[in-house]
All heavy atoms as atom14 arrays in JSON, in Angstrom:
{
  "sequence": "EICGPYVWGRYDLLVMPPSFPFGGMENPCLTFVTPTLLAGDKSL",
  "atom14_mask": [
    [1, 1, 1, 1, 1, 1, 1, 1, 1, 0, 0, 0, 0, 0],
    [1, 1, 1, 1, 1, 1, 1, 1, 0, 0, 0, 0, 0, 0],
    [1, 1, 1, 1, 1, 1, 0, 0, 0, 0, 0, 0, 0, 0],
    [1, 1, 1, 1, 0, 0, 0, 0, 0, 0, 0, 0, 0, 0],
    [1, 1, 1, 1, 1, 1, 1, 0, 0, 0, 0, 0, 0, 0],
    [1, 1, 1, 1, 1, 1, 1, 1, 1, 1, 1, 1, 0, 0],
    [1, 1, 1, 1, 1, 1, 1, 0, 0, 0, 0, 0, 0, 0],
    [1, 1, 1, 1, 1, 1, 1, 1, 1, 1, 1, 1, 1, 1],
    [1, 1, 1, 1, 0, 0, 0, 0, 0, 0, 0, 0, 0, 0],
    [1, 1, 1, 1, 1, 1, 1, 1, 1, 1, 1, 0, 0, 0],
    [1, 1, 1, 1, 1, 1, 1, 1, 1, 1, 1, 1, 0, 0],
    [1, 1, 1, 1, 1, 1, 1, 1, 0, 0, 0, 0, 0, 0],
    [1, 1, 1, 1, 1, 1, 1, 1, 0, 0, 0, 0, 0, 0],
    [1, 1, 1, 1, 1, 1, 1, 1, 0, 0, 0, 0, 0, 0],
    [1, 1, 1, 1, 1, 1, 1, 0, 0, 0, 0, 0, 0, 0],
    [1, 1, 1, 1, 1, 1, 1, 1, 0, 0, 0, 0, 0, 0],
    [1, 1, 1, 1, 1, 1, 1, 0, 0, 0, 0, 0, 0, 0],
    [1, 1, 1, 1, 1, 1, 1, 0, 0, 0, 0, 0, 0, 0],
    [1, 1, 1, 1, 1, 1, 0, 0, 0, 0, 0, 0, 0, 0],
    [1, 1, 1, 1, 1, 1, 1, 1, 1, 1, 1, 0, 0, 0],
    [1, 1, 1, 1, 1, 1, 1, 0, 0, 0, 0, 0, 0, 0],
    [1, 1, 1, 1, 1, 1, 1, 1, 1, 1, 1, 0, 0, 0],
    [1, 1, 1, 1, 0, 0, 0, 0, 0, 0, 0, 0, 0, 0],
    [1, 1, 1, 1, 0, 0, 0, 0, 0, 0, 0, 0, 0, 0],
    [1, 1, 1, 1, 1, 1, 1, 1, 0, 0, 0, 0, 0, 0],
    [1, 1, 1, 1, 1, 1, 1, 1, 1, 0, 0, 0, 0, 0],
    [1, 1, 1, 1, 1, 1, 1, 1, 0, 0, 0, 0, 0, 0],
    [1, 1, 1, 1, 1, 1, 1, 0, 0, 0, 0, 0, 0, 0],
    [1, 1, 1, 1, 1, 1, 0, 0, 0, 0, 0, 0, 0, 0],
    [1, 1, 1, 1, 1, 1, 1, 1, 0, 0, 0, 0, 0, 0],
    [1, 1, 1, 1, 1, 1, 1, 0, 0, 0, 0, 0, 0, 0],
    [1, 1, 1, 1, 1, 1, 1, 1, 1, 1, 1, 0, 0, 0],
    [1, 1, 1, 1, 1, 1, 1, 0, 0, 0, 0, 0, 0, 0],
    [1, 1, 1, 1, 1, 1, 1, 0, 0, 0, 0, 0, 0, 0],
    [1, 1, 1, 1, 1, 1, 1, 0, 0, 0, 0, 0, 0, 0],
    [1, 1, 1, 1, 1, 1, 1, 0, 0, 0, 0, 0, 0, 0],
    [1, 1, 1, 1, 1, 1, 1, 1, 0, 0, 0, 0, 0, 0],
    [1, 1, 1, 1, 1, 1, 1, 1, 0, 0, 0, 0, 0, 0],
    [1, 1, 1, 1, 1, 0, 0, 0, 0, 0, 0, 0, 0, 0],
    [1, 1, 1, 1, 0, 0, 0, 0, 0, 0, 0, 0, 0, 0],
    [1, 1, 1, 1, 1, 1, 1, 1, 0, 0, 0, 0, 0, 0],
    [1, 1, 1, 1, 1, 1, 1, 1, 1, 0, 0, 0, 0, 0],
    [1, 1, 1, 1, 1, 1, 0, 0, 0, 0, 0, 0, 0, 0],
    [1, 1, 1, 1, 1, 1, 1, 1, 0, 0, 0, 0, 0, 0]
  ],
  "atom14_positions": [
    [[-18.22, -13.37, 5.45], [-18.16, -14.71, 6.05], [-19.61, -15.28, 6.05], [-19.78, -16.48, 5.83], [-17.6, -14.66, 7.43], [-16.09, -14.45, 7.59], [-15.63, -14.47, 9.01], [-16.48, -14.87, 9.89], [-14.5, -14.02, 9.28], [0.0, 0.0, 0.0], [0.0, 0.0, 0.0], [0.0, 0.0, 0.0], [0.0, 0.0, 0.0], [0.0, 0.0, 0.0]],
    [[-20.59, -14.41, 6.4], [-21.91, -14.88, 6.59], [-22.67, -15.05, 5.2], [-23.39, -16.0, 5.02], [-22.67, -13.92, 7.47], [-22.05, -13.84, 8.83], [-24.21, -14.21, 7.63], [-22.42, -12.58, 9.62], [0.0, 0.0, 0.0], [0.0, 0.0, 0.0], [0.0, 0.0, 0.0], [0.0, 0.0, 0.0], [0.0, 0.0, 0.0], [0.0, 0.0, 0.0]],
    [[-22.46, -14.1, 4.32], [-23.33, -13.97, 3.13], [-22.64, -14.32, 1.8], [-23.37, -14.61, 0.83], [-23.86, -12.52, 3.01], [-24.83, -11.94, 4.45], [0.0, 0.0, 0.0], [0.0, 0.0, 0.0], [0.0, 0.0, 0.0], [0.0, 0.0, 0.0], [0.0, 0.0, 0.0], [0.0, 0.0, 0.0], [0.0, 0.0, 0.0], [0.0, 0.0, 0.0]],
    [[-21.38, -14.31, 1.73], [-20.69, -14.56, 0.52], [-19.93, -13.35, 0.02], [-19.89, -12.31, 0.61], [0.0, 0.0, 0.0], [0.0, 0.0, 0.0], [0.0, 0.0, 0.0], [0.0, 0.0, 0.0], [0.0, 0.0, 0.0], [0.0, 0.0, 0.0], [0.0, 0.0, 0.0], [0.0, 0.0, 0.0], [0.0, 0.0, 0.0], [0.0, 0.0, 0.0]],
    [[-19.33, -13.45, -1.23], [-18.58, -12.35, -1.76], [-19.31, -11.04, -1.9], [-20.46, -11.05, -2.3], [-18.11, -12.89, -3.1], [-18.23, -14.35, -3.02], [-19.38, -14.62, -2.11], [0.0, 0.0, 0.0], [0.0, 0.0, 0.0], [0.0, 0.0, 0.0], [0.0, 0.0, 0.0], [0.0, 0.0, 0.0], [0.0, 0.0, 0.0], [0.0, 0.0, 0.0]],
    [[-18.62, -9.95, -1.61], [-19.18, -8.54, -1.84], [-19.02, -8.23, -3.29], [-17.85, -8.28, -3.84], [-18.43, -7.59, -0.95], [-18.88, -6.17, -1.05], [-20.04, -5.75, -0.33], [-18.18, -5.25, -1.79], [-20.48, -4.46, -0.41], [-18.63, -3.89, -1.83], [-19.74, -3.55, -1.17], [-20.21, -2.21, -1.21], [0.0, 0.0, 0.0], [0.0, 0.0, 0.0]],
    [[-20.09, -7.81, -3.98], [-20.01, -7.65, -5.45], [-19.97, -6.21, -5.91], [-19.95, -6.02, -7.15], [-21.26, -8.4, -6.12], [-21.27, -9.88, -5.67], [-22.56, -7.71, -5.75], [0.0, 0.0, 0.0], [0.0, 0.0, 0.0], [0.0, 0.0, 0.0], [0.0, 0.0, 0.0], [0.0, 0.0, 0.0], [0.0, 0.0, 0.0], [0.0, 0.0, 0.0]],
    [[-20.02, -5.25, -5.05], [-20.33, -3.88, -5.49], [-19.06, -3.03, -5.69], [-19.2, -1.84, -6.08], [-21.26, -3.18, -4.4], [-22.5, -3.9, -4.21], [-22.82, -4.81, -3.27], [-23.72, -3.72, -4.99], [-24.1, -5.34, -3.39], [-24.66, -4.61, -4.49], [-24.02, -2.88, -6.05], [-25.95, -4.74, -4.99], [-25.35, -3.01, -6.55], [-26.26, -3.87, -6.0]],
    [[-17.89, -3.55, -5.47], [-16.7, -2.88, -5.83], [-16.2, -1.84, -4.73], [-15.1, -2.01, -4.21], [0.0, 0.0, 0.0], [0.0, 0.0, 0.0], [0.0, 0.0, 0.0], [0.0, 0.0, 0.0], [0.0, 0.0, 0.0], [0.0, 0.0, 0.0], [0.0, 0.0, 0.0], [0.0, 0.0, 0.0], [0.0, 0.0, 0.0], [0.0, 0.0, 0.0]],
    [[-17.03, -0.87, -4.41], [-16.68, 0.11, -3.44], [-17.7, -0.01, -2.28], [-18.87, -0.45, -2.44], [-16.75, 1.52, -3.94], [-15.75, 1.91, -4.93], [-14.37, 2.09, -4.31], [-14.36, 3.07, -3.19], [-13.22, 3.26, -2.45], [-12.17, 2.53, -2.61], [-13.33, 4.12, -1.49], [0.0, 0.0, 0.0], [0.0, 0.0, 0.0], [0.0, 0.0, 0.0]],
    [[-17.26, 0.34, -1.04], [-18.22, 0.55, 0.07], [-17.81, 1.81, 0.75], [-16.85, 1.77, 1.69], [-18.3, -0.65, 1.0], [-19.38, -0.36, 2.05], [-20.73, -0.58, 1.8], [-19.08, 0.21, 3.27], [-21.72, -0.3, 2.62], [-20.09, 0.58, 4.19], [-21.46, 0.29, 3.83], [-22.45, 0.65, 4.7], [0.0, 0.0, 0.0], [0.0, 0.0, 0.0]],
    [[-18.34, 2.93, 0.41], [-18.02, 4.21, 1.01], [-19.24, 4.64, 1.88], [-20.4, 4.21, 1.75], [-17.81, 5.3, -0.01], [-16.51, 5.16, -0.76], [-15.69, 4.28, -0.36], [-16.32, 5.83, -1.78], [0.0, 0.0, 0.0], [0.0, 0.0, 0.0], [0.0, 0.0, 0.0], [0.0, 0.0, 0.0], [0.0, 0.0, 0.0], [0.0, 0.0, 0.0]],
    [[-18.91, 5.49, 2.88], [-19.91, 6.07, 3.76], [-20.0, 7.57, 3.56], [-18.99, 8.24, 3.31], [-19.57, 5.85, 5.22], [-19.55, 4.37, 5.76], [-18.92, 4.29, 7.07], [-21.06, 3.9, 5.83], [0.0, 0.0, 0.0], [0.0, 0.0, 0.0], [0.0, 0.0, 0.0], [0.0, 0.0, 0.0], [0.0, 0.0, 0.0], [0.0, 0.0, 0.0]],
    [[-21.18, 8.13, 3.59], [-21.4, 9.58, 3.59], [-22.14, 9.98, 4.79], [-23.23, 9.53, 5.05], [-22.22, 9.92, 2.31], [-22.64, 11.44, 2.2], [-21.42, 12.32, 2.04], [-23.61, 11.6, 1.07], [0.0, 0.0, 0.0], [0.0, 0.0, 0.0], [0.0, 0.0, 0.0], [0.0, 0.0, 0.0], [0.0, 0.0, 0.0], [0.0, 0.0, 0.0]],
    [[-21.51, 10.87, 5.63], [-22.17, 11.43, 6.82], [-23.08, 12.56, 6.34], [-22.59, 13.54, 5.78], [-21.2, 11.88, 7.85], [-21.93, 12.43, 9.06], [-20.3, 10.69, 8.28], [0.0, 0.0, 0.0], [0.0, 0.0, 0.0], [0.0, 0.0, 0.0], [0.0, 0.0, 0.0], [0.0, 0.0, 0.0], [0.0, 0.0, 0.0], [0.0, 0.0, 0.0]],
    [[-24.39, 12.47, 6.54], [-25.36, 13.4, 6.02], [-25.57, 14.55, 6.94], [-25.23, 14.59, 8.05], [-26.68, 12.54, 5.89], [-26.51, 11.32, 4.95], [-26.18, 11.74, 3.31], [-27.69, 12.45, 2.72], [0.0, 0.0, 0.0], [0.0, 0.0, 0.0], [0.0, 0.0, 0.0], [0.0, 0.0, 0.0], [0.0, 0.0, 0.0], [0.0, 0.0, 0.0]],
    [[-26.28, 15.54, 6.38], [-26.76, 16.67, 7.2], [-27.84, 16.17, 8.19], [-28.44, 15.08, 8.02], [-27.33, 17.67, 6.2], [-26.79, 17.25, 4.91], [-26.57, 15.8, 4.92], [0.0, 0.0, 0.0], [0.0, 0.0, 0.0], [0.0, 0.0, 0.0], [0.0, 0.0, 0.0], [0.0, 0.0, 0.0], [0.0, 0.0, 0.0], [0.0, 0.0, 0.0]],
    [[-28.11, 16.93, 9.23], [-29.11, 16.52, 10.24], [-30.51, 16.3, 9.71], [-31.35, 15.63, 10.4], [-29.12, 17.66, 11.25], [-27.74, 18.35, 11.05], [-27.44, 18.17, 9.6], [0.0, 0.0, 0.0], [0.0, 0.0, 0.0], [0.0, 0.0, 0.0], [0.0, 0.0, 0.0], [0.0, 0.0, 0.0], [0.0, 0.0, 0.0], [0.0, 0.0, 0.0]],
    [[-30.87, 16.84, 8.53], [-32.18, 16.68, 8.0], [-32.43, 15.26, 7.37], [-33.59, 14.92, 7.04], [-32.55, 17.77, 6.98], [-31.55, 17.82, 6.03], [0.0, 0.0, 0.0], [0.0, 0.0, 0.0], [0.0, 0.0, 0.0], [0.0, 0.0, 0.0], [0.0, 0.0, 0.0], [0.0, 0.0, 0.0], [0.0, 0.0, 0.0], [0.0, 0.0, 0.0]],
    [[-31.4, 14.47, 7.25], [-31.54, 13.15, 6.74], [-32.48, 12.35, 7.67], [-32.27, 12.27, 8.87], [-30.16, 12.42, 6.58], [-30.22, 11.03, 6.03], [-30.72, 10.91, 4.73], [-29.84, 9.93, 6.7], [-30.8, 9.62, 4.14], [-29.87, 8.66, 6.21], [-30.35, 8.51, 4.87], [0.0, 0.0, 0.0], [0.0, 0.0, 0.0], [0.0, 0.0, 0.0]],
    [[-33.59, 11.68, 7.11], [-34.69, 11.24, 7.99], [-34.45, 9.78, 8.55], [-35.24, 9.37, 9.33], [-35.85, 11.25, 7.02], [-35.3, 11.01, 5.67], [-33.98, 11.71, 5.69], [0.0, 0.0, 0.0], [0.0, 0.0, 0.0], [0.0, 0.0, 0.0], [0.0, 0.0, 0.0], [0.0, 0.0, 0.0], [0.0, 0.0, 0.0], [0.0, 0.0, 0.0]],
    [[-33.41, 9.1, 8.12], [-33.17, 7.76, 8.53], [-31.87, 7.57, 9.28], [-30.97, 8.44, 9.21], [-33.24, 6.77, 7.36], [-34.58, 6.79, 6.7], [-34.74, 7.43, 5.4], [-35.74, 6.25, 7.24], [-35.96, 7.45, 4.75], [-36.95, 6.29, 6.59], [-37.04, 6.9, 5.34], [0.0, 0.0, 0.0], [0.0, 0.0, 0.0], [0.0, 0.0, 0.0]],
    [[-31.71, 6.39, 9.92], [-30.35, 6.09, 10.53], [-29.35, 5.87, 9.45], [-28.18, 6.25, 9.56], [0.0, 0.0, 0.0], [0.0, 0.0, 0.0], [0.0, 0.0, 0.0], [0.0, 0.0, 0.0], [0.0, 0.0, 0.0], [0.0, 0.0, 0.0], [0.0, 0.0, 0.0], [0.0, 0.0, 0.0], [0.0, 0.0, 0.0], [0.0, 0.0, 0.0]],
    [[-29.73, 5.22, 8.39], [-28.83, 5.02, 7.3], [-29.67, 4.61, 6.03], [-30.84, 4.29, 6.15], [0.0, 0.0, 0.0], [0.0, 0.0, 0.0], [0.0, 0.0, 0.0], [0.0, 0.0, 0.0], [0.0, 0.0, 0.0], [0.0, 0.0, 0.0], [0.0, 0.0, 0.0], [0.0, 0.0, 0.0], [0.0, 0.0, 0.0], [0.0, 0.0, 0.0]],
    [[-29.04, 4.7, 4.89], [-29.67, 4.31, 3.68], [-28.58, 3.64, 2.86], [-27.51, 4.17, 2.54], [-30.24, 5.53, 2.93], [-30.93, 5.08, 1.6], [-32.37, 3.96, 1.86], [-32.32, 2.96, 0.42], [0.0, 0.0, 0.0], [0.0, 0.0, 0.0], [0.0, 0.0, 0.0], [0.0, 0.0, 0.0], [0.0, 0.0, 0.0], [0.0, 0.0, 0.0]],
    [[-28.94, 2.38, 2.45], [-27.98, 1.41, 1.89], [-27.68, 1.64, 0.38], [-27.53, 0.68, -0.38], [-28.5, 0.0, 2.06], [-29.82, -0.35, 1.4], [-31.08, -0.01, 2.21], [-30.97, 0.79, 3.14], [-32.15, -0.49, 1.81], [0.0, 0.0, 0.0], [0.0, 0.0, 0.0], [0.0, 0.0, 0.0], [0.0, 0.0, 0.0], [0.0, 0.0, 0.0]],
    [[-27.56, 2.91, -0.05], [-27.34, 3.14, -1.44], [-26.05, 2.42, -1.88], [-25.04, 2.56, -1.23], [-27.19, 4.66, -1.73], [-28.41, 5.43, -1.31], [-29.57, 5.08, -1.71], [-28.23, 6.42, -0.45], [0.0, 0.0, 0.0], [0.0, 0.0, 0.0], [0.0, 0.0, 0.0], [0.0, 0.0, 0.0], [0.0, 0.0, 0.0], [0.0, 0.0, 0.0]],
    [[-26.13, 1.66, -2.97], [-24.9, 0.86, -3.35], [-23.67, 1.73, -3.51], [-23.78, 2.81, -4.08], [-25.32, 0.19, -4.65], [-26.84, 0.16, -4.56], [-27.21, 1.41, -3.86], [0.0, 0.0, 0.0], [0.0, 0.0, 0.0], [0.0, 0.0, 0.0], [0.0, 0.0, 0.0], [0.0, 0.0, 0.0], [0.0, 0.0, 0.0], [0.0, 0.0, 0.0]],
    [[-22.58, 1.26, -3.03], [-21.27, 1.94, -3.19], [-21.18, 3.18, -2.28], [-20.07, 3.71, -2.08], [-20.98, 2.31, -4.61], [-21.12, 0.97, -5.8], [0.0, 0.0, 0.0], [0.0, 0.0, 0.0], [0.0, 0.0, 0.0], [0.0, 0.0, 0.0], [0.0, 0.0, 0.0], [0.0, 0.0, 0.0], [0.0, 0.0, 0.0], [0.0, 0.0, 0.0]],
    [[-22.3, 3.65, -1.77], [-22.23, 4.89, -0.96], [-23.36, 4.93, -0.01], [-24.44, 5.45, -0.18], [-22.33, 6.14, -1.93], [-22.2, 7.5, -1.28], [-20.76, 7.74, -0.77], [-22.64, 8.65, -2.22], [0.0, 0.0, 0.0], [0.0, 0.0, 0.0], [0.0, 0.0, 0.0], [0.0, 0.0, 0.0], [0.0, 0.0, 0.0], [0.0, 0.0, 0.0]],
    [[-23.12, 4.36, 1.14], [-24.17, 4.29, 2.21], [-24.27, 5.73, 2.87], [-23.29, 6.36, 3.23], [-23.77, 3.29, 3.33], [-24.07, 1.98, 2.83], [-24.5, 3.58, 4.61], [0.0, 0.0, 0.0], [0.0, 0.0, 0.0], [0.0, 0.0, 0.0], [0.0, 0.0, 0.0], [0.0, 0.0, 0.0], [0.0, 0.0, 0.0], [0.0, 0.0, 0.0]],
    [[-25.51, 6.2, 2.97], [-25.79, 7.41, 3.68], [-26.02, 7.11, 5.17], [-26.74, 6.13, 5.42], [-27.05, 8.11, 3.15], [-26.96, 8.66, 1.74], [-25.84, 8.57, 0.98], [-27.96, 9.47, 1.25], [-25.79, 9.14, -0.31], [-27.99, 9.98, -0.05], [-26.83, 9.84, -0.78], [0.0, 0.0, 0.0], [0.0, 0.0, 0.0], [0.0, 0.0, 0.0]],
    [[-25.41, 7.87, 6.09], [-25.64, 7.66, 7.45], [-25.93, 9.02, 8.14], [-25.46, 10.06, 7.8], [-24.46, 6.97, 8.21], [-24.29, 5.59, 7.79], [-23.15, 7.74, 8.02], [0.0, 0.0, 0.0], [0.0, 0.0, 0.0], [0.0, 0.0, 0.0], [0.0, 0.0, 0.0], [0.0, 0.0, 0.0], [0.0, 0.0, 0.0], [0.0, 0.0, 0.0]],
    [[-26.78, 8.94, 9.2], [-27.15, 10.11, 9.93], [-26.0, 10.55, 10.8], [-25.28, 9.82, 11.42], [-28.38, 9.83, 10.84], [-28.66, 10.91, 11.73], [-28.15, 8.59, 11.67], [0.0, 0.0, 0.0], [0.0, 0.0, 0.0], [0.0, 0.0, 0.0], [0.0, 0.0, 0.0], [0.0, 0.0, 0.0], [0.0, 0.0, 0.0], [0.0, 0.0, 0.0]],
    [[-25.89, 11.87, 11.0], [-24.84, 12.37, 11.96], [-25.14, 12.09, 13.35], [-24.28, 12.22, 14.24], [-24.82, 13.9, 11.68], [-26.15, 14.2, 11.13], [-26.58, 13.03, 10.31], [0.0, 0.0, 0.0], [0.0, 0.0, 0.0], [0.0, 0.0, 0.0], [0.0, 0.0, 0.0], [0.0, 0.0, 0.0], [0.0, 0.0, 0.0], [0.0, 0.0, 0.0]],
    [[-26.35, 11.6, 13.64], [-26.68, 11.22, 15.04], [-25.95, 9.96, 15.49], [-26.04, 9.61, 16.66], [-28.26, 11.04, 15.24], [-28.68, 9.94, 14.45], [-29.0, 12.3, 14.86], [0.0, 0.0, 0.0], [0.0, 0.0, 0.0], [0.0, 0.0, 0.0], [0.0, 0.0, 0.0], [0.0, 0.0, 0.0], [0.0, 0.0, 0.0], [0.0, 0.0, 0.0]],
    [[-25.25, 9.31, 14.55], [-24.46, 8.2, 14.94], [-23.06, 8.59, 15.51], [-22.38, 7.78, 16.07], [-24.17, 7.29, 13.69], [-25.37, 6.72, 13.0], [-24.96, 5.77, 11.91], [-26.28, 5.96, 13.99], [0.0, 0.0, 0.0], [0.0, 0.0, 0.0], [0.0, 0.0, 0.0], [0.0, 0.0, 0.0], [0.0, 0.0, 0.0], [0.0, 0.0, 0.0]],
    [[-22.74, 9.86, 15.42], [-21.46, 10.37, 15.88], [-21.49, 10.49, 17.38], [-21.64, 11.61, 17.97], [-21.08, 11.64, 15.18], [-20.94, 11.54, 13.71], [-20.63, 12.98, 13.11], [-19.85, 10.62, 13.29], [0.0, 0.0, 0.0], [0.0, 0.0, 0.0], [0.0, 0.0, 0.0], [0.0, 0.0, 0.0], [0.0, 0.0, 0.0], [0.0, 0.0, 0.0]],
    [[-21.43, 9.38, 18.09], [-21.58, 9.32, 19.56], [-20.26, 9.59, 20.31], [-20.25, 9.75, 21.49], [-22.18, 8.0, 20.03], [0.0, 0.0, 0.0], [0.0, 0.0, 0.0], [0.0, 0.0, 0.0], [0.0, 0.0, 0.0], [0.0, 0.0, 0.0], [0.0, 0.0, 0.0], [0.0, 0.0, 0.0], [0.0, 0.0, 0.0], [0.0, 0.0, 0.0]],
    [[-19.09, 9.47, 19.57], [-17.83, 9.64, 20.16], [-17.16, 8.4, 20.74], [-16.02, 8.41, 21.16], [0.0, 0.0, 0.0], [0.0, 0.0, 0.0], [0.0, 0.0, 0.0], [0.0, 0.0, 0.0], [0.0, 0.0, 0.0], [0.0, 0.0, 0.0], [0.0, 0.0, 0.0], [0.0, 0.0, 0.0], [0.0, 0.0, 0.0], [0.0, 0.0, 0.0]],
    [[-17.96, 7.26, 20.84], [-17.41, 6.06, 21.42], [-17.76, 4.8, 20.53], [-17.59, 3.68, 21.03], [-17.92, 5.83, 22.83], [-19.48, 5.78, 22.91], [-20.13, 5.84, 21.83], [-20.02, 5.61, 23.98], [0.0, 0.0, 0.0], [0.0, 0.0, 0.0], [0.0, 0.0, 0.0], [0.0, 0.0, 0.0], [0.0, 0.0, 0.0], [0.0, 0.0, 0.0]],
    [[-18.17, 5.02, 19.33], [-18.55, 3.96, 18.39], [-19.69, 3.14, 18.89], [-20.0, 2.06, 18.3], [-17.32, 3.04, 18.11], [-16.09, 3.84, 17.57], [-14.9, 2.92, 17.33], [-13.69, 3.71, 17.02], [-12.51, 2.89, 16.78], [0.0, 0.0, 0.0], [0.0, 0.0, 0.0], [0.0, 0.0, 0.0], [0.0, 0.0, 0.0], [0.0, 0.0, 0.0]],
    [[-20.42, 3.54, 19.87], [-21.47, 2.72, 20.41], [-22.7, 2.59, 19.49], [-23.47, 1.66, 19.65], [-21.92, 3.35, 21.78], [-22.37, 4.68, 21.67], [0.0, 0.0, 0.0], [0.0, 0.0, 0.0], [0.0, 0.0, 0.0], [0.0, 0.0, 0.0], [0.0, 0.0, 0.0], [0.0, 0.0, 0.0], [0.0, 0.0, 0.0], [0.0, 0.0, 0.0]],
    [[-22.8, 3.51, 18.47], [-23.91, 3.45, 17.58], [-23.49, 3.01, 16.13], [-24.26, 2.98, 15.28], [-24.64, 4.77, 17.48], [-25.11, 5.3, 18.8], [-25.8, 6.67, 18.66], [-26.1, 4.34, 19.48], [0.0, 0.0, 0.0], [0.0, 0.0, 0.0], [0.0, 0.0, 0.0], [0.0, 0.0, 0.0], [0.0, 0.0, 0.0], [0.0, 0.0, 0.0]]
  ]
}
């Protein structure tokens, strides 16, 4: 709604091992996310 059509085909998430150094990494089609986001209440 804000930016226009999504052009990348897929949007998957990969929950990384704890050694991943960032909160997330926007790799196209496959976003990497830190397991520190698993708060149990979707708050992060």
